[in-house]
């Protein structure tokens, strides 16, 4: 977000009582090593694992009671099509009455059979990260991926939605803007618009200072409360709750859903951190948040093309 637009931010609101968005790390393994991600270093911080089914159902059951209209991302920091029982997890959430169940994927393993399974399970939205208009740029950004395969998988998924009759379900292709691909945004939008696939463009984040993000400006007095921190809770595969959506390694643990409810954690230490943000007491925050500039990216508007 350009510096001169930061003063125009007006949409900061806090989720009261229970988060509006829940990210669940059903599986934290990934098959790529993308340039804008720090997944390659995750093993230095936490174990690669799939979330226990009992813990997952505990989380879903609470959301169903407290806020079934909340947005539920079935992945926090991994690749959902590596999770062998992902369709069953989606179906469980939908059967419990959850209104908006979402996946983020790199699309490499989004084969016809796997796509059909999550569609029939009742998934509401899926975001496929491509981040490039050309295969050459894709290879620099999505390291280890296959551009042609992913594009083909997206188009097949689009067609499946019509074949199965799930036209209300949304598929988006995502473009994370960086210095590697910024000259391809317009072509990316135009190409996917012509294919009748919606587009989400968002700025790069640094994951709390773990990687470089030259698009972010220094905090200079315009800092606002982080939109993600105000509205989102992030649950790791072992049940630990991370500080925020940029705390991908759970460096600041804020609770344990094995022992506490989501509501208790949301209204505990996380509430204290939200108050610090609202009162601009940024110097009292944990180190990874104290000077973080990722809050700027949390205010970016999604560009949707129908």
Protein backbone atom coordinates (compact mmCIF):
# COMPACT_ATOMS: atom_id res chain seq x y z
CA UNK A 1 0.00 0.00 0.00
CA UNK A 2 1.50 3.37 -0.98
CA UNK A 3 2.58 5.53 1.94
CA UNK A 4 0.28 8.37 0.94
CA UNK A 5 -2.73 6.07 1.30
CA UNK A 6 -2.02 4.95 4.88
CA UNK A 7 -3.73 7.99 6.36
CA UNK A 8 -6.96 7.06 4.55
CA UNK A 9 -7.45 3.78 6.45
CA UNK A 10 -10.82 3.72 8.18
CA UNK A 11 -11.91 0.08 8.35
CA UNK A 12 -10.16 -1.07 11.54
CA UNK A 13 -12.70 -2.94 13.64
CA UNK A 14 -12.21 -5.45 16.43
CA UNK A 15 -14.03 -8.76 16.52
CA UNK A 16 -15.94 -8.67 19.80
CA UNK A 17 -16.20 -11.79 21.92
CA UNK A 18 -15.02 -14.24 19.24
CA UNK A 19 -12.81 -13.88 16.13
CA UNK A 20 -14.40 -13.25 12.74
CA UNK A 21 -11.73 -15.36 11.02
CA UNK A 22 -10.12 -18.61 12.19
CA UNK A 23 -7.06 -20.09 10.50
CA UNK A 24 -6.64 -23.79 11.25
CA UNK A 25 -3.32 -25.50 10.50
CA UNK A 26 -4.82 -28.87 9.55
CA UNK A 27 -1.46 -29.72 7.95
CA UNK A 28 1.69 -27.58 8.04
CA UNK A 29 3.65 -29.44 5.34
CA UNK A 30 4.28 -27.85 1.94
CA UNK A 31 5.73 -29.03 -1.38
CA UNK A 32 7.17 -25.67 -2.53
CA UNK A 33 9.79 -23.17 -1.34
CA UNK A 34 8.30 -19.91 -2.55
CA UNK A 35 10.36 -16.73 -2.62
CA UNK A 36 7.85 -14.80 -0.46
CA UNK A 37 7.56 -17.50 2.21
CA UNK A 38 9.69 -18.81 5.09
CA UNK A 39 8.28 -22.34 5.23
CA UNK A 40 11.73 -23.81 4.55
CA UNK A 41 12.76 -22.76 8.07
CA UNK A 42 9.67 -24.02 9.87
CA UNK A 43 11.40 -27.12 11.23
CA UNK A 44 13.62 -24.83 13.31
CA UNK A 45 10.52 -23.73 15.21
CA UNK A 46 7.87 -26.43 15.14
CA UNK A 47 7.12 -29.98 14.07
CA UNK A 48 5.69 -30.86 10.66
CA UNK A 49 2.40 -32.60 11.39
CA UNK A 50 -1.28 -33.06 10.66
CA UNK A 51 -3.75 -31.82 13.25
CA UNK A 52 -5.34 -34.56 15.35
CA UNK A 53 -8.95 -35.22 14.29
CA UNK A 54 -10.21 -34.86 17.86
CA UNK A 55 -8.61 -31.44 18.20
CA UNK A 56 -9.99 -30.37 14.83
CA UNK A 57 -13.55 -31.36 15.71
CA UNK A 58 -13.23 -29.59 19.08
CA UNK A 59 -12.33 -26.39 17.22
CA UNK A 60 -15.16 -26.74 14.69
CA UNK A 61 -17.71 -27.60 17.36
CA UNK A 62 -16.90 -24.42 19.28
CA UNK A 63 -17.07 -22.24 16.18
CA UNK A 64 -20.45 -23.78 15.29
CA UNK A 65 -21.80 -22.64 18.67
CA UNK A 66 -20.06 -19.28 19.00
CA UNK A 67 -19.97 -17.88 15.44
CA UNK A 68 -20.96 -20.19 12.55
CA UNK A 69 -20.74 -17.22 10.16
CA UNK A 70 -16.99 -16.82 10.85
CA UNK A 71 -14.59 -17.35 7.94
CA UNK A 72 -12.69 -20.61 8.41
CA UNK A 73 -9.41 -21.13 6.56
CA UNK A 74 -8.57 -24.84 6.63
CA UNK A 75 -4.86 -24.09 6.26
CA UNK A 76 -2.64 -21.60 8.12
CA UNK A 77 0.84 -22.50 6.84
CA UNK A 78 0.80 -25.55 4.58
CA UNK A 79 -0.62 -27.17 1.44
CA UNK A 80 -4.16 -28.54 1.85
CA UNK A 81 -3.99 -31.10 -0.96
CA UNK A 82 -1.27 -32.91 1.01
CA UNK A 83 -3.82 -33.45 3.80
CA UNK A 84 -5.32 -36.85 2.94
CA UNK A 85 -8.59 -36.32 4.83
CA UNK A 86 -9.18 -32.68 3.90
CA UNK A 87 -12.54 -33.44 2.21
CA UNK A 88 -13.77 -35.10 5.41
CA UNK A 89 -12.63 -32.09 7.44
CA UNK A 90 -14.46 -29.70 5.12
CA UNK A 91 -17.59 -31.84 5.21
CA UNK A 92 -17.54 -31.97 9.01
CA UNK A 93 -17.38 -28.17 9.19
CA UNK A 94 -20.20 -27.74 6.69
CA UNK A 95 -22.36 -30.36 8.41
CA UNK A 96 -21.93 -28.40 11.64
CA UNK A 97 -23.41 -25.34 9.93
CA UNK A 98 -20.29 -23.26 9.22
CA UNK A 99 -21.09 -20.72 6.54
CA UNK A 100 -17.73 -19.88 4.95
CA UNK A 101 -15.10 -22.62 4.72
CA UNK A 102 -12.03 -21.68 2.66
CA UNK A 103 -8.82 -23.22 1.27
CA UNK A 104 -5.52 -21.62 0.21
CA UNK A 105 -3.40 -23.76 -2.11
CA UNK A 106 -0.51 -23.58 -4.56
CA UNK A 107 -2.55 -25.76 -6.90
CA UNK A 108 0.18 -28.21 -7.88
CA UNK A 109 -1.62 -31.23 -6.40
CA UNK A 110 -5.14 -29.95 -7.14
CA UNK A 111 -5.90 -32.88 -9.45
CA UNK A 112 -9.34 -33.61 -10.89
CA UNK A 113 -10.20 -36.23 -8.24
CA UNK A 114 -8.97 -34.10 -5.33
CA UNK A 115 -10.74 -31.03 -6.67
CA UNK A 116 -14.00 -32.93 -7.07
CA UNK A 117 -13.73 -34.24 -3.50
CA UNK A 118 -13.40 -30.81 -1.86
CA UNK A 119 -16.11 -29.33 -4.10
CA UNK A 120 -18.58 -32.08 -3.19
CA UNK A 121 -17.61 -31.75 0.49
CA UNK A 122 -19.12 -28.26 0.39
CA UNK A 123 -16.12 -25.94 0.23
CA UNK A 124 -17.19 -22.30 -0.17
CA UNK A 125 -14.04 -20.65 -1.57
CA UNK A 126 -10.59 -21.61 -2.81
CA UNK A 127 -7.58 -19.37 -3.49
CA UNK A 128 -4.82 -20.63 -5.78
CA UNK A 129 -1.49 -18.84 -5.49
CA UNK A 130 0.15 -18.33 -8.89
CA UNK A 131 1.77 -14.88 -8.59
CA UNK A 132 2.94 -14.70 -12.21
CA UNK A 133 1.74 -14.25 -15.77
CA UNK A 134 4.69 -16.04 -17.39
CA UNK A 135 6.33 -19.42 -16.67
CA UNK A 136 9.70 -17.66 -16.32
CA UNK A 137 8.49 -15.41 -13.51
CA UNK A 138 6.56 -18.27 -11.90
CA UNK A 139 9.79 -20.29 -11.60
CA UNK A 140 11.39 -17.43 -9.68
CA UNK A 141 8.45 -16.93 -7.33
CA UNK A 142 6.89 -20.39 -6.86
CA UNK A 143 10.08 -22.41 -6.56
CA UNK A 144 9.49 -26.09 -7.24
CA UNK A 145 6.07 -25.61 -8.84
CA UNK A 146 4.78 -26.30 -12.34
CA UNK A 147 3.15 -23.30 -14.03
CA UNK A 148 1.42 -25.23 -16.80
CA UNK A 149 0.05 -27.85 -14.41
CA UNK A 150 -1.33 -25.23 -12.00
CA UNK A 151 -3.02 -23.21 -14.75
CA UNK A 152 -4.57 -26.40 -16.09
CA UNK A 153 -5.74 -27.42 -12.63
CA UNK A 154 -7.43 -24.05 -12.08
CA UNK A 155 -9.28 -24.23 -15.38
CA UNK A 156 -10.35 -27.81 -14.65
CA UNK A 157 -11.59 -26.75 -11.21
CA UNK A 158 -13.57 -23.90 -12.79
CA UNK A 159 -15.20 -26.33 -15.19
CA UNK A 160 -15.93 -28.83 -12.42
CA UNK A 161 -17.90 -26.22 -10.50
CA UNK A 162 -20.25 -25.86 -13.45
CA UNK A 163 -20.43 -29.61 -14.11
CA UNK A 164 -21.28 -30.39 -10.49
CA UNK A 165 -23.64 -27.44 -10.20
CA UNK A 166 -21.74 -25.60 -7.49
CA UNK A 167 -21.80 -22.23 -9.20
CA UNK A 168 -22.05 -20.36 -5.90
CA UNK A 169 -18.61 -21.65 -4.86
CA UNK A 170 -15.81 -19.20 -5.67
CA UNK A 171 -12.39 -19.93 -7.12
CA UNK A 172 -9.76 -17.17 -7.10
CA UNK A 173 -6.25 -17.00 -8.47
CA UNK A 174 -3.97 -15.00 -6.22
CA UNK A 175 -1.13 -12.66 -7.10
CA UNK A 176 1.22 -11.55 -4.31
CA UNK A 177 2.94 -8.45 -5.66
CA UNK A 178 6.73 -8.20 -5.31
CA UNK A 179 9.68 -6.77 -7.18
CA UNK A 180 9.90 -10.07 -9.11
CA UNK A 181 6.46 -9.85 -10.71
CA UNK A 182 5.02 -6.33 -10.34
CA UNK A 183 5.26 -5.69 -14.10
CA UNK A 184 2.88 -8.60 -14.79
CA UNK A 185 -0.14 -7.61 -12.69
CA UNK A 186 -2.21 -6.12 -15.50
CA UNK A 187 -1.57 -9.02 -17.84
CA UNK A 188 -2.40 -11.48 -15.06
CA UNK A 189 -5.74 -9.79 -14.34
CA UNK A 190 -6.67 -9.56 -18.01
CA UNK A 191 -5.80 -13.18 -18.76
CA UNK A 192 -7.77 -14.62 -15.87
CA UNK A 193 -10.66 -12.24 -16.43
CA UNK A 194 -10.95 -13.68 -19.91
CA UNK A 195 -11.07 -17.16 -18.36
CA UNK A 196 -13.92 -16.09 -16.03
CA UNK A 197 -11.81 -16.71 -12.91
CA UNK A 198 -11.74 -14.14 -10.11
CA UNK A 199 -8.46 -12.49 -9.12
CA UNK A 200 -7.05 -11.49 -5.76
CA UNK A 201 -4.03 -9.18 -5.71
CA UNK A 202 -2.31 -8.43 -2.44
CA UNK A 203 1.01 -6.93 -1.37
CA UNK A 204 3.86 -8.99 0.01
CA UNK A 205 4.37 -9.37 3.77
CA UNK A 206 7.60 -9.95 5.66
CA UNK A 207 6.10 -12.53 8.04
CA UNK A 208 7.02 -10.42 11.02
CA UNK A 209 10.47 -9.51 9.69
CA UNK A 210 11.54 -12.98 8.52
CA UNK A 211 11.97 -12.02 4.86
CA UNK A 212 12.49 -8.79 2.94
CA UNK A 213 9.46 -6.81 1.76
CA UNK A 214 10.55 -3.63 0.03
CA UNK A 215 6.94 -2.64 -0.62
CA UNK A 216 6.48 -1.81 3.08
CA UNK A 217 7.37 1.66 4.35
CA UNK A 218 8.96 2.38 7.70
CA UNK A 219 6.61 3.08 10.58
CA UNK A 220 6.62 6.88 10.76
CA UNK A 221 3.71 7.80 12.99
CA UNK A 222 1.00 6.59 10.63
CA UNK A 223 0.88 3.11 12.11
CA UNK A 224 -2.61 1.70 12.57
CA UNK A 225 -3.85 -1.29 14.59
CA UNK A 226 -3.19 -4.45 12.58
CA UNK A 227 -6.37 -5.50 10.80
CA UNK A 228 -5.52 -9.22 11.02
CA UNK A 229 -4.69 -9.04 14.72
CA UNK A 230 -8.01 -7.32 15.39
CA UNK A 231 -10.12 -10.00 13.69
CA UNK A 232 -8.21 -13.26 13.26
CA UNK A 233 -7.02 -16.17 15.39
CA UNK A 234 -4.39 -18.61 14.11
CA UNK A 235 -4.32 -22.18 15.40
CA UNK A 236 -1.26 -24.34 14.70
CA UNK A 237 -1.36 -28.09 14.00
CA UNK A 238 -0.45 -28.97 17.59
CA UNK A 239 -3.14 -26.67 19.04
CA UNK A 240 -0.86 -23.76 19.87
CA UNK A 241 -2.26 -20.32 19.05
CA UNK A 242 0.14 -18.00 17.25
CA UNK A 243 0.34 -14.27 17.90
CA UNK A 244 -1.05 -13.29 14.49
CA UNK A 245 -1.40 -14.38 10.87
CA UNK A 246 2.22 -13.35 10.22
CA UNK A 247 3.54 -15.43 13.12
CA UNK A 248 3.93 -18.46 10.87
CA UNK A 249 6.43 -20.19 13.17
CA UNK A 250 4.40 -19.51 16.34
CA UNK A 251 7.28 -17.56 17.85
CA UNK A 252 4.84 -15.91 20.27
CA UNK A 253 2.53 -18.57 21.69
CA UNK A 254 -0.72 -17.09 23.02
CA UNK A 255 -2.59 -20.19 24.15
CA UNK A 256 -3.31 -23.88 23.60
CA UNK A 257 -6.66 -25.03 22.21
CA UNK A 258 -6.02 -28.50 23.67
CA UNK A 259 -6.46 -26.97 27.13
CA UNK A 260 -8.52 -23.83 26.50
CA UNK A 261 -11.42 -22.74 24.37
CA UNK A 262 -10.91 -20.41 21.43
CA UNK A 263 -13.09 -17.88 23.22
CA UNK A 264 -10.91 -17.97 26.35
CA UNK A 265 -7.75 -17.44 24.33
CA UNK A 266 -9.28 -14.66 22.21
CA UNK A 267 -10.38 -12.78 25.32
CA UNK A 268 -7.14 -13.44 27.22
CA UNK A 269 -3.61 -12.37 26.22
CA UNK A 270 -4.67 -11.71 22.64
CA UNK A 271 -7.19 -9.16 23.92
CA UNK A 272 -4.39 -7.41 25.82
CA UNK A 273 -2.32 -7.22 22.62
CA UNK A 274 -5.29 -5.83 20.69
CA UNK A 275 -5.70 -3.14 23.33
CA UNK A 276 -2.03 -2.19 22.98
CA UNK A 277 -2.59 -1.77 19.23
CA UNK A 278 -5.75 0.30 19.66
CA UNK A 279 -4.01 2.55 22.20
CA UNK A 280 -0.86 2.80 20.02
CA UNK A 281 1.28 1.27 22.77
CA UNK A 282 3.39 -0.51 20.18
CA UNK A 283 6.53 -0.39 22.32
CA UNK A 284 4.95 -2.82 24.81
CA UNK A 285 4.34 -5.52 22.20
CA UNK A 286 6.45 -8.68 21.67
CA UNK A 287 9.59 -8.04 19.65
CA UNK A 288 8.29 -9.54 16.39
CA UNK A 289 5.34 -7.12 16.45
CA UNK A 290 7.00 -4.05 17.94
CA UNK A 291 8.48 -2.73 14.71
CA UNK A 292 6.53 -4.88 12.26
CA UNK A 293 5.37 -3.19 9.06
CA UNK A 294 3.13 -5.99 7.81
CA UNK A 295 0.06 -4.20 9.17
CA UNK A 296 0.16 -2.12 5.97
CA UNK A 297 -0.53 -5.18 3.82
CA UNK A 298 -3.42 -6.28 6.02
CA UNK A 299 -5.42 -3.29 4.77
CA UNK A 300 -5.07 -4.04 1.08
CA UNK A 301 -8.36 -4.41 -0.75
CA UNK A 302 -8.98 -7.58 -2.72
CA UNK A 303 -9.27 -6.94 -6.44
CA UNK A 304 -12.00 -9.25 -7.72
CA UNK A 305 -12.60 -9.73 -11.44
CA UNK A 306 -15.72 -11.62 -12.54
